């Protein structure tokens, strides 16, 4: 294996090549370098990268996997390349979207002008599983609710980029972005240097600055901690990695206690107040006195301290109302209402099954659509109609009829592809892209993000829990 001879782009948009295997401008250097390698050298580099992942402990957990819960994160060493002009457009679109979604969340827990003006049906908001009555009237620091967002983007056959979904609760995956970059720098050092790739390794610094800025102004040196559900969580590697990179404590609920009106951390020297908590657990488990009373993961009394302004939480409780998949269908209207602008990055056309007419269309065209549950993630609760059996489609039809509010449907996109190493040759595999957006005193978009790859041939499901892997994402300077 030494070159791209025989590689076929197929009837898809290929992120590296035009039709006919002519490299796109940003990928020409990489293609030349790979073509210059001796036979077997690229495979050796792939194997070296996999060993590096193993030695660095870059893993994820799979719930219900009989073969063992922990796996090395699958990784392909050919980077995905995004040129400067396209990235500038993506960055503008993401900033617009996150800014508008933050205004929406704040409105939903205060005056609800959007509902009074009948821009979206109020029952959609009030019936959302992620709407938190306990958050009504909350005023998070600086008026920001969604501090860390991961927005999933896909490209269709015609080259158009779409927002597939917004992740505003506990978006994961950024640790794989940072670790894969370290590996790729060593795998293709010359190409990396000559391609003028924008850095990502300053993300932990940006994250820490944003978190510290949430603390009350009178606190000179805020204490920040990362709250994790524990070692059995699917993203525990990331929780510990980010805490280590920021130089802050990684804590579980049992390490924290409310005392003297503050959230305090148990240490070998006694209790120490925590000023900012980057929480990686869902609202339901955050405080058993406010949300689920059976939660052993959270901190009893945390919400009272938060309401009193004596601790900051990122993301703010209640943020999940903006990433309910039914709410997604209304984001273009949300942007137009709050900002008076059209969406820069369009949504995928979406049918909401609570609407009788749209539900009828979905039920009649299940063999052509992708159906998603409103609050599932990780590729679960989803039907890819063209690839499903008649029995699977019939089961989903029953689910939709039983609970129409819980489902949306979208056309089956022909997701763009990238070359990946398969045995001794290259094959195209479908990808998406999850950039990460930080919102503190301003909005920062990490240049690149997590390119997730559906490693199974023909699969459109890129999630690691469903057999997907990742690539490094190179955003080029001008």
Protein backbone atom coordinates (compact mmCIF):
# COMPACT_ATOMS: atom_id res chain seq x y z
CA UNK A 1 0.00 0.00 0.00
CA UNK A 2 1.65 3.25 -1.09
CA UNK A 3 -0.79 5.38 -3.07
CA UNK A 4 -4.38 6.10 -4.02
CA UNK A 5 -4.39 4.06 -7.23
CA UNK A 6 -7.78 2.42 -7.52
CA UNK A 7 -9.45 4.66 -4.94
CA UNK A 8 -13.02 5.44 -5.96
CA UNK A 9 -14.93 8.50 -4.78
CA UNK A 10 -18.19 6.88 -5.81
CA UNK A 11 -21.41 8.85 -6.17
CA UNK A 12 -20.65 10.94 -3.09
CA UNK A 13 -18.94 14.18 -2.16
CA UNK A 14 -15.41 13.18 -1.21
CA UNK A 15 -13.67 15.42 1.35
CA UNK A 16 -10.21 14.76 -0.10
CA UNK A 17 -10.75 14.30 -3.85
CA UNK A 18 -12.79 15.70 -6.69
CA UNK A 19 -14.45 13.10 -8.92
CA UNK A 20 -11.69 11.31 -10.81
CA UNK A 21 -9.34 11.25 -7.77
CA UNK A 22 -7.96 14.75 -8.39
CA UNK A 23 -7.01 16.05 -4.92
CA UNK A 24 -8.76 19.10 -3.57
CA UNK A 25 -6.33 22.05 -3.20
CA UNK A 26 -5.80 21.67 0.56
CA UNK A 27 -5.17 17.93 0.23
CA UNK A 28 -2.60 17.99 -2.57
CA UNK A 29 0.43 17.96 -0.23
CA UNK A 30 -0.95 15.03 1.75
CA UNK A 31 -1.70 13.05 -1.40
CA UNK A 32 1.82 13.67 -2.74
CA UNK A 33 3.37 12.58 0.55
CA UNK A 34 1.36 9.36 0.72
CA UNK A 35 2.15 8.55 -2.91
CA UNK A 36 5.87 8.92 -2.08
CA UNK A 37 5.82 6.35 0.74
CA UNK A 38 7.38 2.96 0.16
CA UNK A 39 5.16 -0.12 0.11
CA UNK A 40 3.89 -0.96 3.58
CA UNK A 41 5.09 2.27 5.21
CA UNK A 42 1.63 3.82 5.62
CA UNK A 43 0.33 0.68 7.32
CA UNK A 44 3.31 0.81 9.67
CA UNK A 45 2.43 4.39 10.55
CA UNK A 46 -1.22 3.41 11.14
CA UNK A 47 -0.12 0.62 13.47
CA UNK A 48 2.24 2.99 15.30
CA UNK A 49 -0.64 5.44 15.80
CA UNK A 50 -2.84 2.67 17.21
CA UNK A 51 -0.07 1.65 19.63
CA UNK A 52 0.23 5.28 20.73
CA UNK A 53 -3.53 5.38 21.41
CA UNK A 54 -3.23 2.22 23.47
CA UNK A 55 -0.27 3.51 25.51
CA UNK A 56 -2.00 6.84 26.14
CA UNK A 57 -5.11 5.05 27.38
CA UNK A 58 -7.44 6.72 24.87
CA UNK A 59 -10.55 4.65 25.43
CA UNK A 60 -14.30 4.82 25.68
CA UNK A 61 -16.81 2.62 27.47
CA UNK A 62 -19.63 0.74 25.78
CA UNK A 63 -22.67 0.02 27.93
CA UNK A 64 -24.02 -3.51 27.65
CA UNK A 65 -21.05 -4.80 25.65
CA UNK A 66 -20.50 -8.43 26.63
CA UNK A 67 -16.94 -8.38 25.32
CA UNK A 68 -15.89 -5.87 27.97
CA UNK A 69 -16.82 -2.27 28.55
CA UNK A 70 -13.62 -0.46 27.61
CA UNK A 71 -12.25 -0.12 24.07
CA UNK A 72 -9.45 1.74 22.34
CA UNK A 73 -10.96 4.52 20.27
CA UNK A 74 -10.75 3.53 16.55
CA UNK A 75 -8.64 6.01 14.59
CA UNK A 76 -7.61 6.47 10.96
CA UNK A 77 -4.41 8.42 10.32
CA UNK A 78 -5.46 10.21 7.13
CA UNK A 79 -6.63 13.65 8.31
CA UNK A 80 -9.74 15.38 7.06
CA UNK A 81 -8.81 18.80 5.64
CA UNK A 82 -10.98 21.93 5.72
CA UNK A 83 -9.79 25.00 3.85
CA UNK A 84 -9.77 28.46 5.40
CA UNK A 85 -12.66 30.02 3.46
CA UNK A 86 -15.06 27.21 4.28
CA UNK A 87 -14.03 27.23 7.92
CA UNK A 88 -14.69 30.97 8.18
CA UNK A 89 -18.25 30.31 6.97
CA UNK A 90 -18.71 27.42 9.42
CA UNK A 91 -17.38 29.53 12.30
CA UNK A 92 -19.79 32.39 11.53
CA UNK A 93 -22.69 29.97 11.33
CA UNK A 94 -21.88 28.27 14.62
CA UNK A 95 -21.48 31.54 16.49
CA UNK A 96 -24.83 32.73 15.14
CA UNK A 97 -26.52 29.49 16.17
CA UNK A 98 -25.12 29.29 19.70
CA UNK A 99 -25.86 32.96 20.37
CA UNK A 100 -29.49 32.54 19.28
CA UNK A 101 -29.94 29.28 21.22
CA UNK A 102 -28.67 30.97 24.37
CA UNK A 103 -31.27 33.74 23.94
CA UNK A 104 -33.92 31.07 23.41
CA UNK A 105 -33.02 29.19 26.61
CA UNK A 106 -33.02 32.39 28.63
CA UNK A 107 -36.40 33.37 27.20
CA UNK A 108 -37.92 29.96 27.95
CA UNK A 109 -37.04 30.28 31.63
CA UNK A 110 -38.14 33.91 31.89
CA UNK A 111 -40.63 35.87 29.78
CA UNK A 112 -41.26 33.27 27.01
CA UNK A 113 -41.81 35.96 24.39
CA UNK A 114 -41.23 33.42 21.62
CA UNK A 115 -44.25 31.41 22.80
CA UNK A 116 -46.43 34.46 23.38
CA UNK A 117 -45.73 35.53 19.80
CA UNK A 118 -46.67 31.99 18.67
CA UNK A 119 -43.42 31.39 16.79
CA UNK A 120 -43.40 27.78 17.99
CA UNK A 121 -46.17 25.81 19.76
CA UNK A 122 -45.86 26.14 23.53
CA UNK A 123 -46.78 22.49 24.08
CA UNK A 124 -43.53 21.53 22.33
CA UNK A 125 -41.56 23.31 25.05
CA UNK A 126 -43.65 22.24 28.04
CA UNK A 127 -43.77 18.60 26.96
CA UNK A 128 -40.01 18.39 26.43
CA UNK A 129 -38.34 15.94 28.78
CA UNK A 130 -35.44 18.38 29.10
CA UNK A 131 -37.56 21.36 30.19
CA UNK A 132 -36.78 21.99 33.87
CA UNK A 133 -39.46 23.71 35.91
CA UNK A 134 -36.87 24.13 38.67
CA UNK A 135 -34.86 26.41 36.36
CA UNK A 136 -37.63 28.96 35.77
CA UNK A 137 -36.34 32.35 36.88
CA UNK A 138 -32.70 31.25 37.09
CA UNK A 139 -30.08 33.82 36.09
CA UNK A 140 -26.78 32.11 35.27
CA UNK A 141 -23.57 34.15 35.49
CA UNK A 142 -23.10 36.61 32.59
CA UNK A 143 -26.51 35.49 31.26
CA UNK A 144 -24.90 32.49 29.52
CA UNK A 145 -26.53 29.06 29.70
CA UNK A 146 -24.71 27.04 27.02
CA UNK A 147 -21.01 27.38 27.81
CA UNK A 148 -19.82 24.27 25.95
CA UNK A 149 -21.59 23.10 22.80
CA UNK A 150 -20.82 20.37 20.29
CA UNK A 151 -22.74 20.92 17.05
CA UNK A 152 -22.85 18.04 14.56
CA UNK A 153 -22.42 18.99 10.89
CA UNK A 154 -22.86 16.82 7.81
CA UNK A 155 -22.31 17.39 4.11
CA UNK A 156 -24.67 16.06 1.46
CA UNK A 157 -23.85 14.77 -2.02
CA UNK A 158 -24.07 18.28 -3.53
CA UNK A 159 -21.41 19.63 -1.14
CA UNK A 160 -23.84 21.61 1.04
CA UNK A 161 -23.08 21.53 4.78
CA UNK A 162 -25.99 21.13 7.22
CA UNK A 163 -26.42 21.19 10.98
CA UNK A 164 -27.54 17.69 11.95
CA UNK A 165 -28.05 18.33 15.66
CA UNK A 166 -27.02 20.49 18.59
CA UNK A 167 -25.46 19.02 21.76
CA UNK A 168 -25.73 21.48 24.63
CA UNK A 169 -25.91 19.25 27.70
CA UNK A 170 -22.65 17.37 28.13
CA UNK A 171 -21.08 17.18 24.65
CA UNK A 172 -18.17 14.75 24.54
CA UNK A 173 -15.29 13.94 22.20
CA UNK A 174 -12.97 16.93 22.42
CA UNK A 175 -10.28 14.89 24.21
CA UNK A 176 -10.00 12.68 21.11
CA UNK A 177 -9.49 15.82 19.00
CA UNK A 178 -6.55 16.88 21.16
CA UNK A 179 -4.97 13.45 21.45
CA UNK A 180 -5.29 12.59 17.75
CA UNK A 181 -3.62 15.87 16.86
CA UNK A 182 -0.58 14.90 18.93
CA UNK A 183 -0.38 11.59 17.09
CA UNK A 184 -0.84 13.12 13.61
CA UNK A 185 1.90 15.69 14.21
CA UNK A 186 4.30 12.78 14.63
CA UNK A 187 2.81 10.71 11.81
CA UNK A 188 3.05 13.38 9.06
CA UNK A 189 5.35 16.07 10.54
CA UNK A 190 6.50 17.52 7.22
CA UNK A 191 3.04 17.67 5.63
CA UNK A 192 1.60 19.08 8.86
CA UNK A 193 4.17 21.88 8.92
CA UNK A 194 3.89 22.75 5.25
CA UNK A 195 0.06 22.67 5.26
CA UNK A 196 -0.13 25.46 7.89
CA UNK A 197 -2.71 23.78 10.11
CA UNK A 198 -4.45 25.84 12.78
CA UNK A 199 -3.64 24.58 16.31
CA UNK A 200 -6.13 22.91 18.65
CA UNK A 201 -3.92 22.22 21.66
CA UNK A 202 -4.82 25.52 23.31
CA UNK A 203 -8.40 24.31 23.86
CA UNK A 204 -7.87 23.41 27.57
CA UNK A 205 -6.55 26.95 28.15
CA UNK A 206 -9.59 28.48 26.43
CA UNK A 207 -11.87 26.18 28.44
CA UNK A 208 -10.23 27.09 31.75
CA UNK A 209 -10.34 30.83 30.97
CA UNK A 210 -14.04 30.55 30.16
CA UNK A 211 -14.80 28.61 33.35
CA UNK A 212 -12.85 30.98 35.57
CA UNK A 213 -14.65 33.95 34.00
CA UNK A 214 -17.95 32.54 35.32
CA UNK A 215 -16.91 33.03 38.94
CA UNK A 216 -18.14 36.04 40.90
CA UNK A 217 -16.07 39.18 40.31
CA UNK A 218 -14.90 39.36 43.95
CA UNK A 219 -13.14 35.96 43.69
CA UNK A 220 -9.53 36.62 42.72
CA UNK A 221 -8.43 33.04 42.00
CA UNK A 222 -11.48 30.84 41.35
CA UNK A 223 -11.38 27.13 42.20
CA UNK A 224 -12.63 25.07 39.27
CA UNK A 225 -13.47 21.36 39.34
CA UNK A 226 -14.78 18.82 36.80
CA UNK A 227 -17.74 16.80 38.10
CA UNK A 228 -17.86 13.25 36.68
CA UNK A 229 -20.34 10.42 37.28
CA UNK A 230 -17.33 8.15 37.76
CA UNK A 231 -15.07 5.63 36.06
CA UNK A 232 -17.91 3.64 34.48
CA UNK A 233 -19.19 6.56 32.44
CA UNK A 234 -18.60 6.25 28.68
CA UNK A 235 -16.63 9.54 28.60
CA UNK A 236 -14.63 9.10 31.80
CA UNK A 237 -11.32 9.23 29.93
CA UNK A 238 -12.30 12.68 28.68
CA UNK A 239 -13.35 13.94 32.12
CA UNK A 240 -10.02 12.97 33.65
CA UNK A 241 -8.06 14.18 30.62
CA UNK A 242 -9.62 17.66 30.62
CA UNK A 243 -9.20 18.02 34.38
CA UNK A 244 -5.55 17.07 34.06
CA UNK A 245 -4.98 19.41 31.09
CA UNK A 246 -6.57 22.34 32.93
CA UNK A 247 -4.79 21.55 36.19
CA UNK A 248 -8.02 21.29 38.17
CA UNK A 249 -9.57 18.63 40.40
CA UNK A 250 -11.68 15.79 39.04
CA UNK A 251 -14.48 15.10 41.53
CA UNK A 252 -17.49 12.86 41.96
CA UNK A 253 -20.65 13.83 43.82
CA UNK A 254 -19.42 12.03 46.93
CA UNK A 255 -16.37 14.31 47.02
CA UNK A 256 -18.56 17.40 47.39
CA UNK A 257 -20.78 18.66 50.18
CA UNK A 258 -22.85 21.78 50.82
CA UNK A 259 -21.57 23.43 53.99
CA UNK A 260 -21.81 27.04 55.23
CA UNK A 261 -23.88 27.95 52.16
CA UNK A 262 -21.12 26.86 49.75
CA UNK A 263 -20.31 23.81 47.68
CA UNK A 264 -17.12 22.44 49.22
CA UNK A 265 -14.67 19.78 48.17
CA UNK A 266 -13.31 17.23 50.61
CA UNK A 267 -9.51 17.34 50.67
CA UNK A 268 -6.80 15.92 52.93
CA UNK A 269 -6.63 19.39 54.52
CA UNK A 270 -10.36 19.67 55.14
CA UNK A 271 -13.12 21.31 53.11
CA UNK A 272 -12.30 23.71 50.28
CA UNK A 273 -14.93 25.86 48.50
CA UNK A 274 -15.52 25.26 44.78
CA UNK A 275 -16.40 28.34 42.73
CA UNK A 276 -17.03 26.81 39.29
CA UNK A 277 -18.16 23.28 38.46
CA UNK A 278 -17.79 21.94 34.93
CA UNK A 279 -20.39 19.24 35.33
CA UNK A 280 -20.41 16.20 33.07
CA UNK A 281 -23.58 14.68 34.50
CA UNK A 282 -27.12 15.26 33.30
CA UNK A 283 -29.57 17.57 35.08
CA UNK A 284 -31.53 14.57 36.37
CA UNK A 285 -28.66 13.46 38.57
CA UNK A 286 -27.25 16.85 39.58
CA UNK A 287 -29.05 17.42 42.88
CA UNK A 288 -31.36 14.81 44.46
CA UNK A 289 -33.17 17.55 46.40
CA UNK A 290 -34.22 19.29 43.18
CA UNK A 291 -34.26 16.68 40.43
CA UNK A 292 -34.18 12.88 40.78
CA UNK A 293 -34.38 11.99 44.45
CA UNK A 294 -32.73 8.60 43.87
CA UNK A 295 -29.55 10.06 42.36
CA UNK A 296 -26.32 9.08 44.08
CA UNK A 297 -24.18 10.98 41.55
CA UNK A 298 -24.97 14.58 42.43
CA UNK A 299 -24.69 16.91 45.40
CA UNK A 300 -27.67 17.46 47.73
CA UNK A 301 -28.36 21.22 48.00
CA UNK A 302 -26.23 22.19 44.99
CA UNK A 303 -29.10 24.02 43.27
CA UNK A 304 -29.79 26.23 46.27
CA UNK A 305 -26.16 27.37 46.28
CA UNK A 306 -26.37 27.93 42.54
CA UNK A 307 -29.54 30.01 42.82
CA UNK A 308 -27.85 32.12 45.49
CA UNK A 309 -24.99 32.87 43.07
CA UNK A 310 -22.33 31.20 45.19
CA UNK A 311 -21.26 28.67 42.53
CA UNK A 312 -21.26 28.69 38.73
CA UNK A 313 -22.23 25.62 36.70
CA UNK A 314 -21.26 24.87 33.11
CA UNK A 315 -23.43 24.10 31.32
CA UNK A 316 -26.26 25.73 33.24
CA UNK A 317 -29.07 23.39 34.34
CA UNK A 318 -31.98 23.52 31.90
CA UNK A 319 -29.79 23.98 28.84
CA UNK A 320 -31.02 20.69 27.37
CA UNK A 321 -34.28 22.33 26.27
CA UNK A 322 -32.33 23.63 23.23
CA UNK A 323 -31.03 20.24 22.08
CA UNK A 324 -34.28 18.32 22.18
CA UNK A 325 -34.40 16.95 18.63
CA UNK A 326 -37.93 18.26 18.11
CA UNK A 327 -36.78 21.76 19.10
CA UNK A 328 -34.04 21.41 16.48
CA UNK A 329 -36.68 21.62 13.76
CA UNK A 330 -37.52 25.16 14.91
CA UNK A 331 -33.99 26.56 15.22
CA UNK A 332 -34.18 28.51 11.92
CA UNK A 333 -37.31 30.25 13.28
CA UNK A 334 -35.53 30.81 16.61
CA UNK A 335 -32.58 32.47 14.85
CA UNK A 336 -34.90 34.64 12.77
CA UNK A 337 -36.94 35.67 15.83
CA UNK A 338 -34.09 36.65 18.14
CA UNK A 339 -31.52 37.90 15.62
CA UNK A 340 -33.60 38.95 12.62
CA UNK A 341 -31.30 36.84 10.41
CA UNK A 342 -31.58 33.75 8.27
CA UNK A 343 -29.59 30.72 9.39
CA UNK A 344 -26.09 30.76 7.95
CA UNK A 345 -25.79 26.96 8.15
CA UNK A 346 -29.12 25.34 7.23
CA UNK A 347 -30.89 22.55 9.09
CA UNK A 348 -31.53 19.18 7.50
CA UNK A 349 -35.21 19.21 6.39
CA UNK A 350 -37.12 17.72 9.33
CA UNK A 351 -40.58 16.25 9.90
CA UNK A 352 -42.00 16.49 13.43
CA UNK A 353 -44.22 13.53 14.19
CA UNK A 354 -46.42 15.38 16.71
CA UNK A 355 -47.91 17.17 13.68
CA UNK A 356 -50.62 14.88 12.24
CA UNK A 357 -49.93 15.70 8.60
CA UNK A 358 -46.17 15.31 8.92
CA UNK A 359 -46.63 12.11 10.94
CA UNK A 360 -48.75 10.60 8.16
CA UNK A 361 -46.03 11.39 5.64
CA UNK A 362 -43.37 9.81 7.86
CA UNK A 363 -45.37 6.62 8.41
CA UNK A 364 -45.92 6.27 4.66
CA UNK A 365 -42.23 6.82 3.82
CA UNK A 366 -40.36 5.00 6.59
CA UNK A 367 -38.34 3.14 3.99
CA UNK A 368 -36.82 6.46 2.83
CA UNK A 369 -36.30 8.34 6.10
CA UNK A 370 -34.09 8.41 9.18
CA UNK A 371 -36.20 8.48 12.35
CA UNK A 372 -34.77 9.74 15.66
CA UNK A 373 -36.04 9.79 19.21
CA UNK A 374 -36.11 13.30 20.70
CA UNK A 375 -33.78 12.68 23.63
CA UNK A 376 -31.58 9.74 22.65
CA UNK A 377 -27.93 10.04 21.62
CA UNK A 378 -25.00 7.86 20.61
CA UNK A 379 -26.85 6.41 17.63
CA UNK A 380 -29.50 4.80 19.87
CA UNK A 381 -33.26 5.19 19.39
CA UNK A 382 -32.76 5.64 15.65
CA UNK A 383 -34.06 3.96 12.51
CA UNK A 384 -32.22 4.28 9.19
CA UNK A 385 -35.20 3.40 7.02
CA UNK A 386 -33.47 2.34 3.77
CA UNK A 387 -31.21 -0.07 5.70
CA UNK A 388 -33.90 -1.38 8.08
CA UNK A 389 -35.92 -4.58 7.79
CA UNK A 390 -39.72 -4.47 7.37
CA UNK A 391 -40.05 -5.70 10.97
CA UNK A 392 -37.84 -2.87 12.27
CA UNK A 393 -39.85 -0.30 10.32
CA UNK A 394 -43.11 -1.74 11.66
CA UNK A 395 -41.78 -1.52 15.22
CA UNK A 396 -40.84 2.13 14.75
CA UNK A 397 -44.24 2.89 13.24
CA UNK A 398 -45.82 1.57 16.45
CA UNK A 399 -43.44 3.67 18.57
CA UNK A 400 -44.30 6.81 16.59
CA UNK A 401 -48.06 6.23 16.89
CA UNK A 402 -47.74 5.57 20.63
CA UNK A 403 -45.67 8.70 21.35
CA UNK A 404 -45.55 11.06 18.34
CA UNK A 405 -44.01 13.94 20.36
CA UNK A 406 -40.90 11.83 20.85
CA UNK A 407 -39.92 11.41 17.18
CA UNK A 408 -38.64 13.38 14.21
CA UNK A 409 -37.73 12.14 10.74
CA UNK A 410 -35.31 13.39 8.11
CA UNK A 411 -34.39 12.46 4.54
CA UNK A 412 -31.56 9.95 4.27
CA UNK A 413 -28.63 12.15 3.28
CA UNK A 414 -25.80 10.88 1.11
CA UNK A 415 -23.15 11.85 3.67
CA UNK A 416 -19.79 12.92 2.35
CA UNK A 417 -16.95 10.42 2.50
CA UNK A 418 -13.24 10.34 3.21
CA UNK A 419 -10.57 7.75 2.36
CA UNK A 420 -9.73 5.35 5.18
CA UNK A 421 -7.20 2.54 5.34
CA UNK A 422 -8.90 -0.85 4.86
CA UNK A 423 -6.41 -3.75 4.94
CA UNK A 424 -3.92 -2.84 2.17
CA UNK A 425 -5.91 -0.18 0.29
CA UNK A 426 -8.13 2.89 0.66
CA UNK A 427 -11.91 2.89 0.71
CA UNK A 428 -14.42 5.72 1.17
CA UNK A 429 -16.34 5.94 4.44
CA UNK A 430 -19.04 8.39 5.56
CA UNK A 431 -18.23 11.16 8.04
CA UNK A 432 -19.68 13.98 10.09
CA UNK A 433 -17.97 16.79 11.99
CA UNK A 434 -18.48 17.97 15.57
CA UNK A 435 -16.89 21.39 16.21
CA UNK A 436 -16.77 22.61 19.82
CA UNK A 437 -17.96 26.08 20.80
CA UNK A 438 -17.12 27.85 24.07
CA UNK A 439 -19.31 30.74 25.21
CA UNK A 440 -17.97 32.92 28.01
CA UNK A 441 -17.26 36.63 27.66
CA UNK A 442 -17.32 35.94 23.90
CA UNK A 443 -17.82 32.93 21.61
CA UNK A 444 -14.82 30.81 20.59
CA UNK A 445 -14.97 27.96 18.05
CA UNK A 446 -12.19 25.36 18.18
CA UNK A 447 -10.76 25.24 14.62
CA UNK A 448 -11.70 21.78 13.41
CA UNK A 449 -13.37 19.42 15.82
CA UNK A 450 -14.07 15.72 15.90
CA UNK A 451 -14.43 14.08 12.50
CA UNK A 452 -16.33 10.87 13.18
CA UNK A 453 -16.12 8.06 10.63
CA UNK A 454 -18.59 5.24 9.99
CA UNK A 455 -15.94 2.52 9.69
CA UNK A 456 -18.47 -0.17 8.70
CA UNK A 457 -18.78 -0.27 4.92
CA UNK A 458 -21.94 1.52 3.78
CA UNK A 459 -22.92 2.57 7.29
CA UNK A 460 -24.22 6.08 7.97
CA UNK A 461 -23.88 5.78 11.78
CA UNK A 462 -20.64 7.40 12.93
CA UNK A 463 -21.00 7.05 16.72
CA UNK A 464 -18.18 5.19 18.47
CA UNK A 465 -20.73 3.08 20.35
CA UNK A 466 -22.07 1.90 16.97
CA UNK A 467 -18.74 0.99 15.37
CA UNK A 468 -17.52 4.43 14.34
CA UNK A 469 -14.04 5.91 14.65
CA UNK A 470 -12.36 9.26 14.19
CA UNK A 471 -9.86 11.30 12.18
CA UNK A 472 -7.84 14.38 12.95
CA UNK A 473 -9.39 17.49 11.39
CA UNK A 474 -7.00 20.00 9.82
CA UNK A 475 -8.30 23.53 9.39
CA UNK A 476 -5.84 25.40 7.20
CA UNK A 477 -4.72 28.99 7.53
CA UNK A 478 -5.42 31.30 4.57
